[in-house]
């Protein structure tokens, strides 16, 4: 996979996390998002 494809997946995943966070607004979800972004 190229960098562009990976970035697109990360963006889609991030948006998914934001949508989930609207329903389950918790610090643990924030931590997951930050950890995921830091690892990408």
C-alpha atoms as a PDB file:
ATOM      1  CA  UNK A   1       0.000   0.000   0.000  1.00  0.00           C
ATOM      2  CA  UNK A   2       1.187   3.479  -0.803  1.00  0.00           C
ATOM      3  CA  UNK A   3       1.342   6.367   1.622  1.00  0.00           C
ATOM      4  CA  UNK A   4      -1.700   7.974  -0.005  1.00  0.00           C
ATOM      5  CA  UNK A   5      -3.837   4.887   0.534  1.00  0.00           C
ATOM      6  CA  UNK A   6      -2.735   4.582   4.139  1.00  0.00           C
ATOM      7  CA  UNK A   7      -3.493   8.237   4.772  1.00  0.00           C
ATOM      8  CA  UNK A   8      -6.960   7.841   3.274  1.00  0.00           C
ATOM      9  CA  UNK A   9      -7.656   4.885   5.558  1.00  0.00           C
ATOM     10  CA  UNK A  10      -6.393   6.824   8.575  1.00  0.00           C
ATOM     11  CA  UNK A  11      -8.644   9.751   7.672  1.00  0.00           C
ATOM     12  CA  UNK A  12     -11.666   7.479   7.285  1.00  0.00           C
ATOM     13  CA  UNK A  13     -10.842   5.739  10.562  1.00  0.00           C
ATOM     14  CA  UNK A  14     -10.405   9.080  12.309  1.00  0.00           C
ATOM     15  CA  UNK A  15     -13.775  10.288  11.034  1.00  0.00           C
ATOM     16  CA  UNK A  16     -15.306   7.012  12.196  1.00  0.00           C
ATOM     17  CA  UNK A  17     -13.816   7.557  15.660  1.00  0.00           C
ATOM     18  CA  UNK A  18     -15.191  11.102  15.771  1.00  0.00           C
ATOM     19  CA  UNK A  19     -18.650   9.802  14.829  1.00  0.00           C
ATOM     20  CA  UNK A  20     -18.398   7.191  17.565  1.00  0.00           C
ATOM     21  CA  UNK A  21     -17.160   9.782  20.052  1.00  0.00           C
ATOM     22  CA  UNK A  22     -20.320  11.797  19.452  1.00  0.00           C
ATOM     23  CA  UNK A  23     -22.240   8.807  20.828  1.00  0.00           C
ATOM     24  CA  UNK A  24     -19.712   7.612  23.400  1.00  0.00           C
ATOM     25  CA  UNK A  25     -17.893  10.739  24.480  1.00  0.00           C
ATOM     26  CA  UNK A  26     -15.204   9.337  26.729  1.00  0.00           C
ATOM     27  CA  UNK A  27     -11.583  10.024  27.549  1.00  0.00           C
ATOM     28  CA  UNK A  28     -10.673   6.461  26.654  1.00  0.00           C
ATOM     29  CA  UNK A  29     -11.807   7.031  23.060  1.00  0.00           C
ATOM     30  CA  UNK A  30      -9.742  10.233  22.929  1.00  0.00           C
ATOM     31  CA  UNK A  31      -6.742   8.210  24.064  1.00  0.00           C
ATOM     32  CA  UNK A  32      -7.346   5.610  21.336  1.00  0.00           C
ATOM     33  CA  UNK A  33      -7.554   8.320  18.673  1.00  0.00           C
ATOM     34  CA  UNK A  34      -4.392  10.056  19.855  1.00  0.00           C
ATOM     35  CA  UNK A  35      -2.510   6.774  20.090  1.00  0.00           C
ATOM     36  CA  UNK A  36      -3.660   5.768  16.610  1.00  0.00           C
ATOM     37  CA  UNK A  37      -2.658   9.099  15.087  1.00  0.00           C
ATOM     38  CA  UNK A  38       0.697   9.022  16.841  1.00  0.00           C
ATOM     39  CA  UNK A  39       1.374   5.533  15.504  1.00  0.00           C
ATOM     40  CA  UNK A  40       0.421   6.444  11.932  1.00  0.00           C
END
